[in-house]
PDB file of N, CA and C in Angstrom:
ATOM      1  N   UNK A   1       0.847  -1.174   0.000  1.00  0.00           N
ATOM      2  CA  UNK A   1       0.000   0.000   0.000  1.00  0.00           C
ATOM      3  C   UNK A   1       0.898   1.243   0.000  1.00  0.00           C
ATOM      4  N   UNK A   2       0.581   2.209  -0.831  1.00  0.00           N
ATOM      5  CA  UNK A   2       1.344   3.447  -0.907  1.00  0.00           C
ATOM      6  C   UNK A   2       0.980   4.362   0.252  1.00  0.00           C
ATOM      7  N   UNK A   3       2.001   4.889   0.905  1.00  0.00           N
ATOM      8  CA  UNK A   3       1.812   5.794   2.042  1.00  0.00           C
ATOM      9  C   UNK A   3       2.470   7.138   1.744  1.00  0.00           C
ATOM     10  N   UNK A   4       1.862   8.194   2.249  1.00  0.00           N
ATOM     11  CA  UNK A   4       2.452   9.530   2.134  1.00  0.00           C
ATOM     12  C   UNK A   4       3.492   9.708   3.234  1.00  0.00           C
ATOM     13  N   UNK A   5       4.562  10.403   2.929  1.00  0.00           N
ATOM     14  CA  UNK A   5       5.600  10.695   3.910  1.00  0.00           C
ATOM     15  C   UNK A   5       5.322  12.072   4.498  1.00  0.00           C
ATOM     16  N   UNK A   6       5.058  12.091   5.811  1.00  0.00           N
ATOM     17  CA  UNK A   6       4.777  13.327   6.538  1.00  0.00           C
ATOM     18  C   UNK A   6       5.860  13.559   7.585  1.00  0.00           C
ATOM     19  N   UNK A   7       6.080  14.831   7.937  1.00  0.00           N
ATOM     20  CA  UNK A   7       6.970  15.177   9.044  1.00  0.00           C
ATOM     21  C   UNK A   7       6.257  16.184   9.930  1.00  0.00           C
ATOM     22  N   UNK A   8       6.637  16.212  11.188  1.00  0.00           N
ATOM     23  CA  UNK A   8       5.990  17.094  12.160  1.00  0.00           C
ATOM     24  C   UNK A   8       6.728  18.429  12.244  1.00  0.00           C
ATOM     25  N   UNK A   9       5.977  19.523  12.185  1.00  0.00           N
ATOM     26  CA  UNK A   9       6.540  20.864  12.338  1.00  0.00           C
ATOM     27  C   UNK A   9       7.009  21.022  13.788  1.00  0.00           C
ATOM     28  N   UNK A  10       8.270  21.377  14.012  1.00  0.00           N
ATOM     29  CA  UNK A  10       8.750  21.531  15.383  1.00  0.00           C
ATOM     30  C   UNK A  10       8.165  22.752  16.096  1.00  0.00           C
ATOM     31  N   UNK A  11       7.658  23.711  15.339  1.00  0.00           N
ATOM     32  CA  UNK A  11       7.091  24.925  15.940  1.00  0.00           C
ATOM     33  C   UNK A  11       5.629  24.750  16.339  1.00  0.00           C
ATOM     34  N   UNK A  12       4.863  24.002  15.525  1.00  0.00           N
ATOM     35  CA  UNK A  12       3.421  23.883  15.767  1.00  0.00           C
ATOM     36  C   UNK A  12       2.982  22.467  16.124  1.00  0.00           C
ATOM     37  N   UNK A  13       3.848  21.494  15.929  1.00  0.00           N
ATOM     38  CA  UNK A  13       3.565  20.066  16.145  1.00  0.00           C
ATOM     39  C   UNK A  13       2.550  19.505  15.148  1.00  0.00           C
ATOM     40  N   UNK A  14       2.241  20.240  14.096  1.00  0.00           N
ATOM     41  CA  UNK A  14       1.318  19.753  13.068  1.00  0.00           C
ATOM     42  C   UNK A  14       2.085  18.962  12.019  1.00  0.00           C
ATOM     43  N   UNK A  15       1.416  17.953  11.445  1.00  0.00           N
ATOM     44  CA  UNK A  15       2.036  17.159  10.400  1.00  0.00           C
ATOM     45  C   UNK A  15       2.019  17.909   9.079  1.00  0.00           C
ATOM     46  N   UNK A  16       3.111  17.751   8.325  1.00  0.00           N
ATOM     47  CA  UNK A  16       3.282  18.432   7.053  1.00  0.00           C
ATOM     48  C   UNK A  16       3.632  17.403   5.989  1.00  0.00           C
ATOM     49  N   UNK A  17       2.951  17.446   4.865  1.00  0.00           N
ATOM     50  CA  UNK A  17       3.241  16.531   3.760  1.00  0.00           C
ATOM     51  C   UNK A  17       4.550  16.937   3.092  1.00  0.00           C
ATOM     52  N   UNK A  18       5.359  15.939   2.750  1.00  0.00           N
ATOM     53  CA  UNK A  18       6.627  16.210   2.073  1.00  0.00           C
ATOM     54  C   UNK A  18       6.479  16.174   0.559  1.00  0.00           C
ATOM     55  N   UNK A  19       5.344  15.656   0.085  1.00  0.00           N
ATOM     56  CA  UNK A  19       5.154  15.493  -1.349  1.00  0.00           C
ATOM     57  C   UNK A  19       5.719  14.176  -1.865  1.00  0.00           C
ATOM     58  N   UNK A  20       6.214  13.342  -0.966  1.00  0.00           N
ATOM     59  CA  UNK A  20       6.789  12.057  -1.345  1.00  0.00           C
ATOM     60  C   UNK A  20       5.911  10.919  -0.838  1.00  0.00           C
ATOM     61  N   UNK A  21       6.008   9.783  -1.519  1.00  0.00           N
ATOM     62  CA  UNK A  21       5.284   8.583  -1.100  1.00  0.00           C
ATOM     63  C   UNK A  21       6.247   7.403  -1.089  1.00  0.00           C
ATOM     64  N   UNK A  22       5.829   6.336  -0.430  1.00  0.00           N
ATOM     65  CA  UNK A  22       6.632   5.118  -0.365  1.00  0.00           C
ATOM     66  C   UNK A  22       5.680   3.934  -0.223  1.00  0.00           C
ATOM     67  N   UNK A  23       6.091   2.797  -0.748  1.00  0.00           N
ATOM     68  CA  UNK A  23       5.328   1.571  -0.540  1.00  0.00           C
ATOM     69  C   UNK A  23       5.593   1.104   0.888  1.00  0.00           C
ATOM     70  N   UNK A  24       4.529   0.879   1.652  1.00  0.00           N
ATOM     71  CA  UNK A  24       4.670   0.500   3.058  1.00  0.00           C
ATOM     72  C   UNK A  24       5.540  -0.747   3.231  1.00  0.00           C
ATOM     73  N   UNK A  25       5.404  -1.713   2.327  1.00  0.00           N
ATOM     74  CA  UNK A  25       6.169  -2.950   2.423  1.00  0.00           C
ATOM     75  C   UNK A  25       7.666  -2.705   2.256  1.00  0.00           C
ATOM     76  N   UNK A  26       8.039  -1.644   1.568  1.00  0.00           N
ATOM     77  CA  UNK A  26       9.448  -1.337   1.301  1.00  0.00           C
ATOM     78  C   UNK A  26      10.036  -0.353   2.306  1.00  0.00           C
ATOM     79  N   UNK A  27       9.245   0.131   3.253  1.00  0.00           N
ATOM     80  CA  UNK A  27       9.695   1.175   4.170  1.00  0.00           C
ATOM     81  C   UNK A  27      10.953   0.774   4.943  1.00  0.00           C
ATOM     82  N   UNK A  28      11.017  -0.440   5.432  1.00  0.00           N
ATOM     83  CA  UNK A  28      12.166  -0.886   6.213  1.00  0.00           C
ATOM     84  C   UNK A  28      13.478  -0.824   5.449  1.00  0.00           C
ATOM     85  N   UNK A  29      13.406  -0.996   4.139  1.00  0.00           N
ATOM     86  CA  UNK A  29      14.598  -0.986   3.293  1.00  0.00           C
ATOM     87  C   UNK A  29      14.835   0.362   2.630  1.00  0.00           C
ATOM     88  N   UNK A  30      13.906   1.284   2.774  1.00  0.00           N
ATOM     89  CA  UNK A  30      14.013   2.582   2.115  1.00  0.00           C
ATOM     90  C   UNK A  30      15.137   3.399   2.725  1.00  0.00           C
ATOM     91  N   UNK A  31      15.971   3.962   1.864  1.00  0.00           N
ATOM     92  CA  UNK A  31      17.060   4.824   2.309  1.00  0.00           C
ATOM     93  C   UNK A  31      16.671   6.262   1.985  1.00  0.00           C
ATOM     94  N   UNK A  32      16.655   7.104   2.987  1.00  0.00           N
ATOM     95  CA  UNK A  32      16.363   8.522   2.793  1.00  0.00           C
ATOM     96  C   UNK A  32      17.516   9.329   3.357  1.00  0.00           C
ATOM     97  N   UNK A  33      17.979  10.282   2.582  1.00  0.00           N
ATOM     98  CA  UNK A  33      19.017  11.182   3.070  1.00  0.00           C
ATOM     99  C   UNK A  33      18.335  12.432   3.593  1.00  0.00           C
ATOM    100  N   UNK A  34      19.122  13.383   4.028  1.00  0.00           N
ATOM    101  CA  UNK A  34      18.559  14.628   4.545  1.00  0.00           C
ATOM    102  C   UNK A  34      17.724  15.328   3.477  1.00  0.00           C
ATOM    103  N   UNK A  35      16.551  15.768   3.875  1.00  0.00           N
ATOM    104  CA  UNK A  35      15.634  16.484   2.993  1.00  0.00           C
ATOM    105  C   UNK A  35      15.160  17.746   3.694  1.00  0.00           C
ATOM    106  N   UNK A  36      14.579  18.648   2.915  1.00  0.00           N
ATOM    107  CA  UNK A  36      13.995  19.865   3.480  1.00  0.00           C
ATOM    108  C   UNK A  36      12.587  20.023   2.941  1.00  0.00           C
ATOM    109  N   UNK A  37      11.731  20.633   3.753  1.00  0.00           N
ATOM    110  CA  UNK A  37      10.359  20.905   3.342  1.00  0.00           C
ATOM    111  C   UNK A  37       9.993  22.303   3.832  1.00  0.00           C
ATOM    112  N   UNK A  38       9.285  23.047   2.990  1.00  0.00           N
ATOM    113  CA  UNK A  38       8.759  24.342   3.407  1.00  0.00           C
ATOM    114  C   UNK A  38       7.441  24.084   4.112  1.00  0.00           C
ATOM    115  N   UNK A  39       7.339  24.545   5.332  1.00  0.00           N
ATOM    116  CA  UNK A  39       6.195  24.242   6.182  1.00  0.00           C
ATOM    117  C   UNK A  39       5.059  25.244   5.981  1.00  0.00           C
ATOM    118  N   UNK A  40       3.863  24.756   5.658  1.00  0.00           N
ATOM    119  CA  UNK A  40       2.720  25.651   5.492  1.00  0.00           C
ATOM    120  C   UNK A  40       2.170  26.160   6.829  1.00  0.00           C
ATOM    121  N   UNK A  41       2.583  25.537   7.924  1.00  0.00           N
ATOM    122  CA  UNK A  41       2.060  25.916   9.234  1.00  0.00           C
ATOM    123  C   UNK A  41       2.818  27.091   9.854  1.00  0.00           C
ATOM    124  N   UNK A  42       4.146  27.113   9.686  1.00  0.00           N
ATOM    125  CA  UNK A  42       4.945  28.191  10.294  1.00  0.00           C
ATOM    126  C   UNK A  42       5.744  28.971   9.259  1.00  0.00           C
ATOM    127  N   UNK A  43       5.657  28.578   7.989  1.00  0.00           N
ATOM    128  CA  UNK A  43       6.366  29.190   6.877  1.00  0.00           C
ATOM    129  C   UNK A  43       7.884  29.029   6.971  1.00  0.00           C
ATOM    130  N   UNK A  44       8.348  28.163   7.844  1.00  0.00           N
ATOM    131  CA  UNK A  44       9.780  27.889   7.963  1.00  0.00           C
ATOM    132  C   UNK A  44      10.190  26.747   7.054  1.00  0.00           C
ATOM    133  N   UNK A  45      11.482  26.519   6.976  1.00  0.00           N
ATOM    134  CA  UNK A  45      12.022  25.385   6.242  1.00  0.00           C
ATOM    135  C   UNK A  45      12.577  24.406   7.259  1.00  0.00           C
ATOM    136  N   UNK A  46      12.129  23.159   7.186  1.00  0.00           N
ATOM    137  CA  UNK A  46      12.552  22.144   8.140  1.00  0.00           C
ATOM    138  C   UNK A  46      13.363  21.064   7.432  1.00  0.00           C
ATOM    139  N   UNK A  47      14.458  20.686   8.037  1.00  0.00           N
ATOM    140  CA  UNK A  47      15.233  19.540   7.570  1.00  0.00           C
ATOM    141  C   UNK A  47      14.659  18.296   8.231  1.00  0.00           C
ATOM    142  N   UNK A  48      14.665  17.176   7.503  1.00  0.00           N
ATOM    143  CA  UNK A  48      14.157  15.941   8.089  1.00  0.00           C
ATOM    144  C   UNK A  48      14.906  14.741   7.544  1.00  0.00           C
ATOM    145  N   UNK A  49      14.884  13.679   8.320  1.00  0.00           N
ATOM    146  CA  UNK A  49      15.484  12.410   7.936  1.00  0.00           C
ATOM    147  C   UNK A  49      14.446  11.307   8.156  1.00  0.00           C
ATOM    148  N   UNK A  50      14.803  10.085   7.865  1.00  0.00           N
ATOM    149  CA  UNK A  50      13.867   8.962   7.982  1.00  0.00           C
ATOM    150  C   UNK A  50      13.306   8.836   9.393  1.00  0.00           C
ATOM    151  N   UNK A  51      14.103   9.122  10.412  1.00  0.00           N
ATOM    152  CA  UNK A  51      13.630   8.977  11.793  1.00  0.00           C
ATOM    153  C   UNK A  51      12.537   9.981  12.150  1.00  0.00           C
ATOM    154  N   UNK A  52      12.385  11.043  11.353  1.00  0.00           N
ATOM    155  CA  UNK A  52      11.364  12.063  11.608  1.00  0.00           C
ATOM    156  C   UNK A  52      10.032  11.761  10.934  1.00  0.00           C
ATOM    157  N   UNK A  53       9.977  10.747  10.100  1.00  0.00           N
ATOM    158  CA  UNK A  53       8.830  10.484   9.228  1.00  0.00           C
ATOM    159  C   UNK A  53       7.664   9.820   9.960  1.00  0.00           C
ATOM    160  N   UNK A  54       6.457  10.255   9.568  1.00  0.00           N
ATOM    161  CA  UNK A  54       5.207   9.594   9.938  1.00  0.00           C
ATOM    162  C   UNK A  54       4.584   9.148   8.616  1.00  0.00           C
ATOM    163  N   UNK A  55       4.245   7.868   8.506  1.00  0.00           N
ATOM    164  CA  UNK A  55       3.600   7.376   7.285  1.00  0.00           C
ATOM    165  C   UNK A  55       2.093   7.521   7.422  1.00  0.00           C
ATOM    166  N   UNK A  56       1.459   8.019   6.370  1.00  0.00           N
ATOM    167  CA  UNK A  56       0.008   8.242   6.386  1.00  0.00           C
ATOM    168  C   UNK A  56      -0.602   7.726   5.090  1.00  0.00           C
ATOM    169  N   UNK A  57      -1.916   7.539   5.106  1.00  0.00           N
ATOM    170  CA  UNK A  57      -2.640   7.091   3.909  1.00  0.00           C
ATOM    171  C   UNK A  57      -2.520   8.054   2.784  1.00  0.00           C
TER     172      UNK A  57
END
């Protein structure tokens, strides 16, 4: 099942979509390097790694 990759805004604690998806079955093997996302909640730019990710429908 395809899941959306979300990260939590450190300023507001709201989840933010990264615009990326991953197959849930492949998540354990997925390699992600440092990424950045512009946050719609605080207008900041947040860096994130795999450990910061929340998978959503």
